[in-house]
Amino acid sequence: MSDLTTSEKLIIEPTFTTPEIRFDPEAYYFFIGGNSYPENSLKFYGPVLEWVQNWSQKVVPSSKLLTIEIRLEYFNTSTAKVLLDLLRLFEALHERGQAMQIRWLYLQEDTEMEDAGLDYQAAVKVPFELVAIDE
């Protein structure tokens, strides 16, 4: 994955233990969804963090809204740390003037996922919306 340029889309198909990841730099849209309990979170997410860091350092902040949607059904504690690292990369870009919106989507009855979203919302200074979905 390290041969990807930051103008290309970053797409990782989901597995039983890893989430779907889709990042489209032209559309300013980033999505993570599914389950995340990889055997080694740093190994799985390392290239994603590197990609986002490289892209965010090269992008010129604009008024075009960057939308980050996170819709995880389950994640483990090592993923929780990596998610915070990822959100902090976006926070740094926001501090440089990039318009953005983080949307934390969770099933309405999933209070644990709602609580996790509230924790992340409090941890980063980025427009952050919790969206309860009814399925």
C-alpha atoms as a PDB file:
ATOM      1  CA  MET A   1       0.000   0.000   0.000  1.00  0.00           C
ATOM      2  CA  SER A   2       2.958   2.340   0.487  1.00  0.00           C
ATOM      3  CA  ASP A   3       3.172   2.841  -3.290  1.00  0.00           C
ATOM      4  CA  LEU A   4      -0.168   4.672  -3.317  1.00  0.00           C
ATOM      5  CA  THR A   5      -0.008   8.317  -4.105  1.00  0.00           C
ATOM      6  CA  THR A   6      -2.171  10.583  -2.024  1.00  0.00           C
ATOM      7  CA  SER A   7      -4.232  11.604  -5.036  1.00  0.00           C
ATOM      8  CA  GLU A   8      -5.462   8.022  -5.387  1.00  0.00           C
ATOM      9  CA  LYS A   9      -8.382   6.616  -3.479  1.00  0.00           C
ATOM     10  CA  LEU A  10      -7.511   4.490  -0.478  1.00  0.00           C
ATOM     11  CA  ILE A  11      -9.756   1.425  -0.501  1.00  0.00           C
ATOM     12  CA  ILE A  12      -9.484  -1.531   1.855  1.00  0.00           C
ATOM     13  CA  GLU A  13     -12.123  -4.221   1.604  1.00  0.00           C
ATOM     14  CA  PRO A  14     -13.572  -5.505   4.880  1.00  0.00           C
ATOM     15  CA  THR A  15     -12.779  -8.872   6.394  1.00  0.00           C
ATOM     16  CA  PHE A  16     -14.314 -10.601   9.370  1.00  0.00           C
ATOM     17  CA  THR A  17     -11.921  -8.766  11.731  1.00  0.00           C
ATOM     18  CA  THR A  18     -11.064  -5.593   9.823  1.00  0.00           C
ATOM     19  CA  PRO A  19     -13.271  -2.716   8.648  1.00  0.00           C
ATOM     20  CA  GLU A  20     -14.044  -1.364   5.236  1.00  0.00           C
ATOM     21  CA  ILE A  21     -12.005   1.765   4.587  1.00  0.00           C
ATOM     22  CA  ARG A  22     -12.757   4.122   1.716  1.00  0.00           C
ATOM     23  CA  PHE A  23     -11.088   7.460   1.311  1.00  0.00           C
ATOM     24  CA  ASP A  24     -11.673   9.513  -1.788  1.00  0.00           C
ATOM     25  CA  PRO A  25      -9.459  12.622  -1.794  1.00  0.00           C
ATOM     26  CA  GLU A  26     -11.260  14.181  -4.769  1.00  0.00           C
ATOM     27  CA  ALA A  27     -14.667  13.839  -3.112  1.00  0.00           C
ATOM     28  CA  TYR A  28     -13.249  14.750   0.339  1.00  0.00           C
ATOM     29  CA  TYR A  29     -14.935  11.693   1.808  1.00  0.00           C
ATOM     30  CA  PHE A  30     -13.518   9.211   4.319  1.00  0.00           C
ATOM     31  CA  PHE A  31     -15.384   6.163   5.581  1.00  0.00           C
ATOM     32  CA  ILE A  32     -14.622   3.412   8.078  1.00  0.00           C
ATOM     33  CA  GLY A  33     -17.269   0.789   8.752  1.00  0.00           C
ATOM     34  CA  GLY A  34     -17.745  -2.698  10.110  1.00  0.00           C
ATOM     35  CA  ASN A  35     -15.809  -4.584  12.748  1.00  0.00           C
ATOM     36  CA  SER A  36     -12.295  -3.737  13.832  1.00  0.00           C
ATOM     37  CA  TYR A  37     -10.378  -6.205  15.911  1.00  0.00           C
ATOM     38  CA  PRO A  38      -7.354  -7.040  13.806  1.00  0.00           C
ATOM     39  CA  GLU A  39      -4.697  -9.257  15.338  1.00  0.00           C
ATOM     40  CA  ASN A  40      -2.271  -6.332  15.050  1.00  0.00           C
ATOM     41  CA  SER A  41      -3.996  -2.930  14.887  1.00  0.00           C
ATOM     42  CA  LEU A  42      -0.800  -1.010  14.162  1.00  0.00           C
ATOM     43  CA  LYS A  43       0.073  -3.307  11.284  1.00  0.00           C
ATOM     44  CA  PHE A  44      -3.411  -2.933   9.801  1.00  0.00           C
ATOM     45  CA  TYR A  45      -3.892   0.793  10.453  1.00  0.00           C
ATOM     46  CA  GLY A  46      -0.270   1.908  10.082  1.00  0.00           C
ATOM     47  CA  PRO A  47      -0.492   2.366   6.298  1.00  0.00           C
ATOM     48  CA  VAL A  48      -3.871   4.124   6.707  1.00  0.00           C
ATOM     49  CA  LEU A  49      -2.437   6.575   9.259  1.00  0.00           C
ATOM     50  CA  GLU A  50       0.581   7.149   7.031  1.00  0.00           C
ATOM     51  CA  TRP A  51      -1.621   7.746   3.999  1.00  0.00           C
ATOM     52  CA  VAL A  52      -3.865  10.225   5.835  1.00  0.00           C
ATOM     53  CA  GLN A  53      -0.847  12.009   7.305  1.00  0.00           C
ATOM     54  CA  ASN A  54       0.805  12.325   3.881  1.00  0.00           C
ATOM     55  CA  TRP A  55      -2.417  13.527   2.271  1.00  0.00           C
ATOM     56  CA  SER A  56      -3.225  15.999   5.035  1.00  0.00           C
ATOM     57  CA  GLN A  57       0.276  17.499   4.859  1.00  0.00           C
ATOM     58  CA  LYS A  58       0.020  18.007   1.097  1.00  0.00           C
ATOM     59  CA  VAL A  59      -3.551  19.209   0.838  1.00  0.00           C
ATOM     60  CA  VAL A  60      -4.175  22.935   0.806  1.00  0.00           C
ATOM     61  CA  PRO A  61      -7.018  23.618   3.254  1.00  0.00           C
ATOM     62  CA  SER A  62     -10.145  24.656   1.435  1.00  0.00           C
ATOM     63  CA  SER A  63     -13.744  25.488   2.091  1.00  0.00           C
ATOM     64  CA  LYS A  64     -14.707  22.163   0.473  1.00  0.00           C
ATOM     65  CA  LEU A  65     -16.184  20.108   3.310  1.00  0.00           C
ATOM     66  CA  LEU A  66     -14.206  17.017   4.269  1.00  0.00           C
ATOM     67  CA  THR A  67     -16.676  14.420   5.553  1.00  0.00           C
ATOM     68  CA  ILE A  68     -15.453  11.612   7.775  1.00  0.00           C
ATOM     69  CA  GLU A  69     -18.010   8.913   8.524  1.00  0.00           C
ATOM     70  CA  ILE A  70     -17.314   6.216  11.076  1.00  0.00           C
ATOM     71  CA  ARG A  71     -19.803   3.386  11.389  1.00  0.00           C
ATOM     72  CA  LEU A  72     -18.190   0.661  13.425  1.00  0.00           C
ATOM     73  CA  GLU A  73     -20.231  -2.186  14.840  1.00  0.00           C
ATOM     74  CA  TYR A  74     -17.473  -3.350  17.181  1.00  0.00           C
ATOM     75  CA  PHE A  75     -13.863  -2.410  17.855  1.00  0.00           C
ATOM     76  CA  ASN A  76     -11.244  -3.541  20.349  1.00  0.00           C
ATOM     77  CA  THR A  77      -9.096  -1.412  22.657  1.00  0.00           C
ATOM     78  CA  SER A  78      -6.085  -1.333  20.332  1.00  0.00           C
ATOM     79  CA  THR A  79      -8.348  -0.036  17.558  1.00  0.00           C
ATOM     80  CA  ALA A  80      -9.684   2.610  19.960  1.00  0.00           C
ATOM     81  CA  LYS A  81      -6.168   4.067  20.329  1.00  0.00           C
ATOM     82  CA  VAL A  82      -5.561   4.015  16.580  1.00  0.00           C
ATOM     83  CA  LEU A  83      -8.914   5.708  15.941  1.00  0.00           C
ATOM     84  CA  LEU A  84      -7.901   8.512  18.278  1.00  0.00           C
ATOM     85  CA  ASP A  85      -4.597   8.863  16.413  1.00  0.00           C
ATOM     86  CA  LEU A  86      -6.518   9.048  13.141  1.00  0.00           C
ATOM     87  CA  LEU A  87      -8.937  11.652  14.473  1.00  0.00           C
ATOM     88  CA  ARG A  88      -6.008  13.712  15.757  1.00  0.00           C
ATOM     89  CA  LEU A  89      -4.550  13.762  12.224  1.00  0.00           C
ATOM     90  CA  PHE A  90      -7.841  15.183  10.987  1.00  0.00           C
ATOM     91  CA  GLU A  91      -7.923  17.618  13.916  1.00  0.00           C
ATOM     92  CA  ALA A  92      -4.502  18.976  12.896  1.00  0.00           C
ATOM     93  CA  LEU A  93      -5.786  19.520   9.356  1.00  0.00           C
ATOM     94  CA  HIS A  94      -8.880  21.255  10.749  1.00  0.00           C
ATOM     95  CA  GLU A  95      -6.641  23.541  12.827  1.00  0.00           C
ATOM     96  CA  ARG A  96      -4.904  24.526   9.586  1.00  0.00           C
ATOM     97  CA  GLY A  97      -8.256  25.725   8.240  1.00  0.00           C
ATOM     98  CA  GLN A  98      -9.812  22.716   6.521  1.00  0.00           C
ATOM     99  CA  ALA A  99     -13.607  22.608   6.768  1.00  0.00           C
ATOM    100  CA  MET A 100     -14.689  19.196   8.028  1.00  0.00           C
ATOM    101  CA  GLN A 101     -17.401  17.188   9.693  1.00  0.00           C
ATOM    102  CA  ILE A 102     -16.975  13.924  11.547  1.00  0.00           C
ATOM    103  CA  ARG A 103     -20.127  11.795  11.630  1.00  0.00           C
ATOM    104  CA  TRP A 104     -20.185   8.943  14.144  1.00  0.00           C
ATOM    105  CA  LEU A 105     -22.965   6.590  13.044  1.00  0.00           C
ATOM    106  CA  TYR A 106     -24.260   3.982  15.453  1.00  0.00           C
ATOM    107  CA  LEU A 107     -27.321   1.798  15.855  1.00  0.00           C
ATOM    108  CA  GLN A 108     -29.831   3.579  18.063  1.00  0.00           C
ATOM    109  CA  GLU A 109     -29.925   0.741  20.599  1.00  0.00           C
ATOM    110  CA  ASP A 110     -26.114   0.422  20.794  1.00  0.00           C
ATOM    111  CA  THR A 111     -25.367   2.566  23.849  1.00  0.00           C
ATOM    112  CA  GLU A 112     -21.739   1.374  24.020  1.00  0.00           C
ATOM    113  CA  MET A 113     -21.055   2.683  20.515  1.00  0.00           C
ATOM    114  CA  GLU A 114     -22.881   5.919  21.356  1.00  0.00           C
ATOM    115  CA  ASP A 115     -20.690   6.318  24.471  1.00  0.00           C
ATOM    116  CA  ALA A 116     -17.558   5.690  22.403  1.00  0.00           C
ATOM    117  CA  GLY A 117     -18.662   8.409  19.981  1.00  0.00           C
ATOM    118  CA  LEU A 118     -19.224  10.816  22.870  1.00  0.00           C
ATOM    119  CA  ASP A 119     -15.708  10.069  24.146  1.00  0.00           C
ATOM    120  CA  TYR A 120     -14.170  10.812  20.739  1.00  0.00           C
ATOM    121  CA  GLN A 121     -16.324  13.909  20.358  1.00  0.00           C
ATOM    122  CA  ALA A 122     -14.896  15.224  23.635  1.00  0.00           C
ATOM    123  CA  ALA A 123     -11.326  14.292  22.677  1.00  0.00           C
ATOM    124  CA  VAL A 124     -11.009  16.256  19.427  1.00  0.00           C
ATOM    125  CA  LYS A 125     -11.827  19.834  18.516  1.00  0.00           C
ATOM    126  CA  VAL A 126     -13.548  19.153  15.206  1.00  0.00           C
ATOM    127  CA  PRO A 127     -17.230  19.485  14.267  1.00  0.00           C
ATOM    128  CA  PHE A 128     -18.452  16.066  15.412  1.00  0.00           C
ATOM    129  CA  GLU A 129     -21.975  14.759  15.032  1.00  0.00           C
ATOM    130  CA  LEU A 130     -23.399  11.600  16.576  1.00  0.00           C
ATOM    131  CA  VAL A 131     -25.995  10.043  14.303  1.00  0.00           C
ATOM    132  CA  ALA A 132     -28.302   7.350  15.669  1.00  0.00           C
ATOM    133  CA  ILE A 133     -29.552   5.090  12.906  1.00  0.00           C
ATOM    134  CA  ASP A 134     -32.577   2.878  13.172  1.00  0.00           C
ATOM    135  CA  GLU A 135     -32.181  -0.458  11.413  1.00  0.00           C
END
